[in-house]
Amino acid sequence: MSRRFTAIVGREGDGYVAFCPKVDVASQGETVTEARDNLAEALTLFLESSHDDEIERRLSQEIYVTQIEIEVG
C-alpha cells in the first residue's frame, strides 16, 4: 500500500531540511533530492515502528498548508 504525504523542503545552512507536517517527521540532506529521499525513509521507518494508535492520532489531525500575503513597510 502506498500513501501520499506533503513535504516542505527548505534550505538550511549548506543543506536542505525536508519536513512532513502531517506526522511531524523531518530529515535533511545536501540536496533537495537527498533531503526528500531521506524524509521518505524516515516516514517509512515511522510508519513501520509506531503503534497504530500513534499513527492514527497524527494522521487524524487537520493540517493546512497555505500562503499569507502581508504588507511590509
PDB file of N, CA and C in Angstrom:
ATOM      1  N   MET A   1       0.842  -1.170   0.000  1.00  0.00           N
ATOM      2  CA  MET A   1       0.000   0.000   0.000  1.00  0.00           C
ATOM      3  C   MET A   1       0.895   1.244   0.000  1.00  0.00           C
ATOM      4  N   SER A   2       0.508   2.248  -0.748  1.00  0.00           N
ATOM      5  CA  SER A   2       1.287   3.477  -0.734  1.00  0.00           C
ATOM      6  C   SER A   2       0.429   4.606  -0.182  1.00  0.00           C
ATOM      7  N   ARG A   3       1.085   5.571   0.409  1.00  0.00           N
ATOM      8  CA  ARG A   3       0.433   6.759   0.962  1.00  0.00           C
ATOM      9  C   ARG A   3       1.140   7.981   0.413  1.00  0.00           C
ATOM     10  N   ARG A   4       0.413   9.059   0.283  1.00  0.00           N
ATOM     11  CA  ARG A   4       0.981  10.315  -0.214  1.00  0.00           C
ATOM     12  C   ARG A   4       0.992  11.331   0.931  1.00  0.00           C
ATOM     13  N   PHE A   5       2.149  11.976   1.115  1.00  0.00           N
ATOM     14  CA  PHE A   5       2.311  12.979   2.149  1.00  0.00           C
ATOM     15  C   PHE A   5       2.831  14.270   1.525  1.00  0.00           C
ATOM     16  N   THR A   6       2.539  15.386   2.149  1.00  0.00           N
ATOM     17  CA  THR A   6       3.079  16.676   1.730  1.00  0.00           C
ATOM     18  C   THR A   6       4.409  16.900   2.442  1.00  0.00           C
ATOM     19  N   ALA A   7       5.396  17.344   1.688  1.00  0.00           N
ATOM     20  CA  ALA A   7       6.705  17.650   2.260  1.00  0.00           C
ATOM     21  C   ALA A   7       7.039  19.107   1.976  1.00  0.00           C
ATOM     22  N   ILE A   8       7.599  19.756   2.961  1.00  0.00           N
ATOM     23  CA  ILE A   8       8.088  21.120   2.817  1.00  0.00           C
ATOM     24  C   ILE A   8       9.604  21.043   2.891  1.00  0.00           C
ATOM     25  N   VAL A   9      10.271  21.543   1.861  1.00  0.00           N
ATOM     26  CA  VAL A   9      11.731  21.473   1.805  1.00  0.00           C
ATOM     27  C   VAL A   9      12.278  22.890   1.771  1.00  0.00           C
ATOM     28  N   GLY A  10      13.221  23.162   2.655  1.00  0.00           N
ATOM     29  CA  GLY A  10      13.826  24.494   2.696  1.00  0.00           C
ATOM     30  C   GLY A  10      15.319  24.417   2.925  1.00  0.00           C
ATOM     31  N   ARG A  11      15.994  25.426   2.454  1.00  0.00           N
ATOM     32  CA  ARG A  11      17.447  25.494   2.634  1.00  0.00           C
ATOM     33  C   ARG A  11      17.748  25.855   4.078  1.00  0.00           C
ATOM     34  N   GLU A  12      18.740  25.172   4.625  1.00  0.00           N
ATOM     35  CA  GLU A  12      19.212  25.485   5.973  1.00  0.00           C
ATOM     36  C   GLU A  12      20.724  25.342   5.967  1.00  0.00           C
ATOM     37  N   GLY A  13      21.414  26.446   6.072  1.00  0.00           N
ATOM     38  CA  GLY A  13      22.871  26.412   6.015  1.00  0.00           C
ATOM     39  C   GLY A  13      23.338  25.923   4.655  1.00  0.00           C
ATOM     40  N   ASP A  14      24.189  24.908   4.659  1.00  0.00           N
ATOM     41  CA  ASP A  14      24.719  24.354   3.415  1.00  0.00           C
ATOM     42  C   ASP A  14      23.870  23.220   2.857  1.00  0.00           C
ATOM     43  N   GLY A  15      22.771  22.885   3.514  1.00  0.00           N
ATOM     44  CA  GLY A  15      21.953  21.767   3.064  1.00  0.00           C
ATOM     45  C   GLY A  15      20.482  22.114   3.024  1.00  0.00           C
ATOM     46  N   TYR A  16      19.659  21.072   3.049  1.00  0.00           N
ATOM     47  CA  TYR A  16      18.209  21.226   2.975  1.00  0.00           C
ATOM     48  C   TYR A  16      17.541  20.394   4.051  1.00  0.00           C
ATOM     49  N   VAL A  17      16.436  20.897   4.548  1.00  0.00           N
ATOM     50  CA  VAL A  17      15.624  20.184   5.525  1.00  0.00           C
ATOM     51  C   VAL A  17      14.282  19.888   4.873  1.00  0.00           C
ATOM     52  N   ALA A  18      13.833  18.652   4.997  1.00  0.00           N
ATOM     53  CA  ALA A  18      12.525  18.243   4.489  1.00  0.00           C
ATOM     54  C   ALA A  18      11.655  17.897   5.690  1.00  0.00           C
ATOM     55  N   PHE A  19      10.443  18.427   5.692  1.00  0.00           N
ATOM     56  CA  PHE A  19       9.543  18.283   6.833  1.00  0.00           C
ATOM     57  C   PHE A  19       8.168  17.851   6.348  1.00  0.00           C
ATOM     58  N   CYS A  20       7.601  16.871   7.019  1.00  0.00           N
ATOM     59  CA  CYS A  20       6.240  16.425   6.747  1.00  0.00           C
ATOM     60  C   CYS A  20       5.365  16.882   7.914  1.00  0.00           C
ATOM     61  N   PRO A  21       4.577  17.952   7.723  1.00  0.00           N
ATOM     62  CA  PRO A  21       3.790  18.478   8.840  1.00  0.00           C
ATOM     63  C   PRO A  21       2.675  17.539   9.294  1.00  0.00           C
ATOM     64  N   LYS A  22       2.200  16.677   8.429  1.00  0.00           N
ATOM     65  CA  LYS A  22       1.087  15.789   8.779  1.00  0.00           C
ATOM     66  C   LYS A  22       1.437  14.862   9.933  1.00  0.00           C
ATOM     67  N   VAL A  23       2.661  14.364   9.954  1.00  0.00           N
ATOM     68  CA  VAL A  23       3.055  13.431  11.015  1.00  0.00           C
ATOM     69  C   VAL A  23       4.222  13.948  11.852  1.00  0.00           C
ATOM     70  N   ASP A  24       4.642  15.194  11.598  1.00  0.00           N
ATOM     71  CA  ASP A  24       5.708  15.835  12.365  1.00  0.00           C
ATOM     72  C   ASP A  24       7.008  15.034  12.300  1.00  0.00           C
ATOM     73  N   VAL A  25       7.421  14.702  11.076  1.00  0.00           N
ATOM     74  CA  VAL A  25       8.668  13.966  10.839  1.00  0.00           C
ATOM     75  C   VAL A  25       9.529  14.815   9.907  1.00  0.00           C
ATOM     76  N   ALA A  26      10.827  14.877  10.183  1.00  0.00           N
ATOM     77  CA  ALA A  26      11.739  15.673   9.363  1.00  0.00           C
ATOM     78  C   ALA A  26      13.023  14.901   9.091  1.00  0.00           C
ATOM     79  N   SER A  27      13.727  15.327   8.048  1.00  0.00           N
ATOM     80  CA  SER A  27      15.037  14.788   7.733  1.00  0.00           C
ATOM     81  C   SER A  27      15.811  15.865   6.991  1.00  0.00           C
ATOM     82  N   GLN A  28      17.015  15.549   6.578  1.00  0.00           N
ATOM     83  CA  GLN A  28      17.842  16.545   5.904  1.00  0.00           C
ATOM     84  C   GLN A  28      18.723  15.887   4.865  1.00  0.00           C
ATOM     85  N   GLY A  29      19.346  16.699   4.038  1.00  0.00           N
ATOM     86  CA  GLY A  29      20.273  16.199   3.031  1.00  0.00           C
ATOM     87  C   GLY A  29      21.054  17.349   2.426  1.00  0.00           C
ATOM     88  N   GLU A  30      22.053  17.005   1.631  1.00  0.00           N
ATOM     89  CA  GLU A  30      22.887  18.024   0.998  1.00  0.00           C
ATOM     90  C   GLU A  30      22.205  18.654  -0.211  1.00  0.00           C
ATOM     91  N   THR A  31      21.228  17.960  -0.809  1.00  0.00           N
ATOM     92  CA  THR A  31      20.464  18.472  -1.942  1.00  0.00           C
ATOM     93  C   THR A  31      18.976  18.323  -1.638  1.00  0.00           C
ATOM     94  N   VAL A  32      18.139  18.971  -2.433  1.00  0.00           N
ATOM     95  CA  VAL A  32      16.694  18.829  -2.262  1.00  0.00           C
ATOM     96  C   VAL A  32      16.296  17.365  -2.434  1.00  0.00           C
ATOM     97  N   THR A  33      16.833  16.727  -3.455  1.00  0.00           N
ATOM     98  CA  THR A  33      16.508  15.325  -3.719  1.00  0.00           C
ATOM     99  C   THR A  33      16.924  14.433  -2.561  1.00  0.00           C
ATOM    100  N   GLU A  34      18.111  14.641  -2.035  1.00  0.00           N
ATOM    101  CA  GLU A  34      18.591  13.830  -0.914  1.00  0.00           C
ATOM    102  C   GLU A  34      17.730  14.058   0.326  1.00  0.00           C
ATOM    103  N   ALA A  35      17.375  15.302   0.595  1.00  0.00           N
ATOM    104  CA  ALA A  35      16.520  15.596   1.750  1.00  0.00           C
ATOM    105  C   ALA A  35      15.159  14.927   1.583  1.00  0.00           C
ATOM    106  N   ARG A  36      14.603  14.989   0.380  1.00  0.00           N
ATOM    107  CA  ARG A  36      13.309  14.362   0.096  1.00  0.00           C
ATOM    108  C   ARG A  36      13.399  12.839   0.251  1.00  0.00           C
ATOM    109  N   ASP A  37      14.437  12.245  -0.296  1.00  0.00           N
ATOM    110  CA  ASP A  37      14.616  10.795  -0.177  1.00  0.00           C
ATOM    111  C   ASP A  37      14.810  10.375   1.276  1.00  0.00           C
ATOM    112  N   ASN A  38      15.578  11.158   2.029  1.00  0.00           N
ATOM    113  CA  ASN A  38      15.793  10.849   3.440  1.00  0.00           C
ATOM    114  C   ASN A  38      14.497  10.990   4.239  1.00  0.00           C
ATOM    115  N   LEU A  39      13.663  11.969   3.862  1.00  0.00           N
ATOM    116  CA  LEU A  39      12.367  12.105   4.519  1.00  0.00           C
ATOM    117  C   LEU A  39      11.485  10.902   4.211  1.00  0.00           C
ATOM    118  N   ALA A  40      11.497  10.431   2.976  1.00  0.00           N
ATOM    119  CA  ALA A  40      10.713   9.241   2.623  1.00  0.00           C
ATOM    120  C   ALA A  40      11.144   8.044   3.472  1.00  0.00           C
ATOM    121  N   GLU A  41      12.442   7.899   3.666  1.00  0.00           N
ATOM    122  CA  GLU A  41      12.953   6.815   4.511  1.00  0.00           C
ATOM    123  C   GLU A  41      12.517   6.994   5.968  1.00  0.00           C
ATOM    124  N   ALA A  42      12.590   8.228   6.467  1.00  0.00           N
ATOM    125  CA  ALA A  42      12.173   8.500   7.849  1.00  0.00           C
ATOM    126  C   ALA A  42      10.680   8.236   8.035  1.00  0.00           C
ATOM    127  N   LEU A  43       9.869   8.607   7.047  1.00  0.00           N
ATOM    128  CA  LEU A  43       8.428   8.342   7.122  1.00  0.00           C
ATOM    129  C   LEU A  43       8.145   6.842   7.122  1.00  0.00           C
ATOM    130  N   THR A  44       8.847   6.110   6.282  1.00  0.00           N
ATOM    131  CA  THR A  44       8.688   4.653   6.239  1.00  0.00           C
ATOM    132  C   THR A  44       9.027   4.039   7.587  1.00  0.00           C
ATOM    133  N   LEU A  45      10.142   4.466   8.170  1.00  0.00           N
ATOM    134  CA  LEU A  45      10.543   3.944   9.482  1.00  0.00           C
ATOM    135  C   LEU A  45       9.522   4.311  10.555  1.00  0.00           C
ATOM    136  N   PHE A  46       9.002   5.537  10.510  1.00  0.00           N
ATOM    137  CA  PHE A  46       7.985   5.949  11.467  1.00  0.00           C
ATOM    138  C   PHE A  46       6.747   5.063  11.352  1.00  0.00           C
ATOM    139  N   LEU A  47       6.273   4.864  10.131  1.00  0.00           N
ATOM    140  CA  LEU A  47       5.057   4.069   9.927  1.00  0.00           C
ATOM    141  C   LEU A  47       5.260   2.598  10.304  1.00  0.00           C
ATOM    142  N   GLU A  48       6.453   2.074  10.068  1.00  0.00           N
ATOM    143  CA  GLU A  48       6.741   0.672  10.392  1.00  0.00           C
ATOM    144  C   GLU A  48       6.942   0.445  11.890  1.00  0.00           C
ATOM    145  N   SER A  49       7.429   1.453  12.606  1.00  0.00           N
ATOM    146  CA  SER A  49       7.807   1.234  14.004  1.00  0.00           C
ATOM    147  C   SER A  49       6.825   1.808  15.022  1.00  0.00           C
ATOM    148  N   SER A  50       5.924   2.660  14.594  1.00  0.00           N
ATOM    149  CA  SER A  50       5.000   3.289  15.537  1.00  0.00           C
ATOM    150  C   SER A  50       3.756   2.439  15.756  1.00  0.00           C
ATOM    151  N   HIS A  51       3.200   2.585  16.926  1.00  0.00           N
ATOM    152  CA  HIS A  51       1.956   1.899  17.266  1.00  0.00           C
ATOM    153  C   HIS A  51       0.823   2.485  16.426  1.00  0.00           C
ATOM    154  N   ASP A  52      -0.140   1.667  16.061  1.00  0.00           N
ATOM    155  CA  ASP A  52      -1.261   2.106  15.228  1.00  0.00           C
ATOM    156  C   ASP A  52      -1.997   3.311  15.822  1.00  0.00           C
ATOM    157  N   ASP A  53      -2.110   3.360  17.148  1.00  0.00           N
ATOM    158  CA  ASP A  53      -2.788   4.489  17.800  1.00  0.00           C
ATOM    159  C   ASP A  53      -2.043   5.799  17.561  1.00  0.00           C
ATOM    160  N   GLU A  54      -0.706   5.753  17.618  1.00  0.00           N
ATOM    161  CA  GLU A  54       0.104   6.945  17.391  1.00  0.00           C
ATOM    162  C   GLU A  54      -0.025   7.413  15.948  1.00  0.00           C
ATOM    163  N   ILE A  55       0.012   6.491  15.024  1.00  0.00           N
ATOM    164  CA  ILE A  55      -0.128   6.835  13.607  1.00  0.00           C
ATOM    165  C   ILE A  55      -1.499   7.453  13.357  1.00  0.00           C
ATOM    166  N   GLU A  56      -2.536   6.821  13.855  1.00  0.00           N
ATOM    167  CA  GLU A  56      -3.894   7.327  13.647  1.00  0.00           C
ATOM    168  C   GLU A  56      -4.087   8.701  14.273  1.00  0.00           C
ATOM    169  N   ARG A  57      -3.511   8.916  15.461  1.00  0.00           N
ATOM    170  CA  ARG A  57      -3.619  10.211  16.124  1.00  0.00           C
ATOM    171  C   ARG A  57      -3.008  11.299  15.257  1.00  0.00           C
ATOM    172  N   ARG A  58      -1.836  11.033  14.714  1.00  0.00           N
ATOM    173  CA  ARG A  58      -1.174  12.044  13.891  1.00  0.00           C
ATOM    174  C   ARG A  58      -1.884  12.247  12.555  1.00  0.00           C
ATOM    175  N   LEU A  59      -2.342  11.159  11.951  1.00  0.00           N
ATOM    176  CA  LEU A  59      -2.999  11.272  10.646  1.00  0.00           C
ATOM    177  C   LEU A  59      -4.372  11.929  10.737  1.00  0.00           C
ATOM    178  N   SER A  60      -4.985  11.900  11.909  1.00  0.00           N
ATOM    179  CA  SER A  60      -6.320  12.471  12.037  1.00  0.00           C
ATOM    180  C   SER A  60      -6.296  13.980  12.285  1.00  0.00           C
ATOM    181  N   GLN A  61      -5.119  14.538  12.541  1.00  0.00           N
ATOM    182  CA  GLN A  61      -5.003  15.973  12.768  1.00  0.00           C
ATOM    183  C   GLN A  61      -5.234  16.719  11.458  1.00  0.00           C
ATOM    184  N   GLU A  62      -5.892  17.855  11.551  1.00  0.00           N
ATOM    185  CA  GLU A  62      -6.071  18.687  10.371  1.00  0.00           C
ATOM    186  C   GLU A  62      -4.871  19.605  10.228  1.00  0.00           C
ATOM    187  N   ILE A  63      -4.219  19.533   9.089  1.00  0.00           N
ATOM    188  CA  ILE A  63      -3.052  20.346   8.791  1.00  0.00           C
ATOM    189  C   ILE A  63      -3.352  21.117   7.509  1.00  0.00           C
ATOM    190  N   TYR A  64      -3.117  22.407   7.520  1.00  0.00           N
ATOM    191  CA  TYR A  64      -3.345  23.234   6.341  1.00  0.00           C
ATOM    192  C   TYR A  64      -2.037  23.891   5.933  1.00  0.00           C
ATOM    193  N   VAL A  65      -1.691  23.780   4.672  1.00  0.00           N
ATOM    194  CA  VAL A  65      -0.534  24.469   4.121  1.00  0.00           C
ATOM    195  C   VAL A  65      -1.089  25.567   3.219  1.00  0.00           C
ATOM    196  N   THR A  66      -0.739  26.792   3.521  1.00  0.00           N
ATOM    197  CA  THR A  66      -1.294  27.922   2.781  1.00  0.00           C
ATOM    198  C   THR A  66      -0.255  29.025   2.681  1.00  0.00           C
ATOM    199  N   GLN A  67      -0.550  30.023   1.897  1.00  0.00           N
ATOM    200  CA  GLN A  67       0.311  31.200   1.804  1.00  0.00           C
ATOM    201  C   GLN A  67      -0.427  32.392   2.387  1.00  0.00           C
ATOM    202  N   ILE A  68       0.339  33.298   2.963  1.00  0.00           N
ATOM    203  CA  ILE A  68      -0.227  34.503   3.558  1.00  0.00           C
ATOM    204  C   ILE A  68       0.521  35.695   2.963  1.00  0.00           C
ATOM    205  N   GLU A  69      -0.218  36.685   2.519  1.00  0.00           N
ATOM    206  CA  GLU A  69       0.392  37.897   1.970  1.00  0.00           C
ATOM    207  C   GLU A  69       0.179  39.037   2.954  1.00  0.00           C
ATOM    208  N   ILE A  70       1.274  39.746   3.263  1.00  0.00           N
ATOM    209  CA  ILE A  70       1.183  40.892   4.171  1.00  0.00           C
ATOM    210  C   ILE A  70       1.889  42.089   3.545  1.00  0.00           C
ATOM    211  N   GLU A  71       1.499  43.229   3.965  1.00  0.00           N
ATOM    212  CA  GLU A  71       2.177  44.459   3.540  1.00  0.00           C
ATOM    213  C   GLU A  71       3.373  44.688   4.455  1.00  0.00           C
ATOM    214  N   VAL A  72       4.506  45.013   3.871  1.00  0.00           N
ATOM    215  CA  VAL A  72       5.715  45.264   4.639  1.00  0.00           C
ATOM    216  C   VAL A  72       6.169  46.699   4.345  1.00  0.00           C
ATOM    217  N   GLY A  73       6.434  47.402   5.423  1.00  0.00           N
ATOM    218  CA  GLY A  73       6.992  48.742   5.314  1.00  0.00           C
ATOM    219  C   GLY A  73       6.006  49.719   4.851  1.00  0.00           C
TER     220      GLY A  73
END
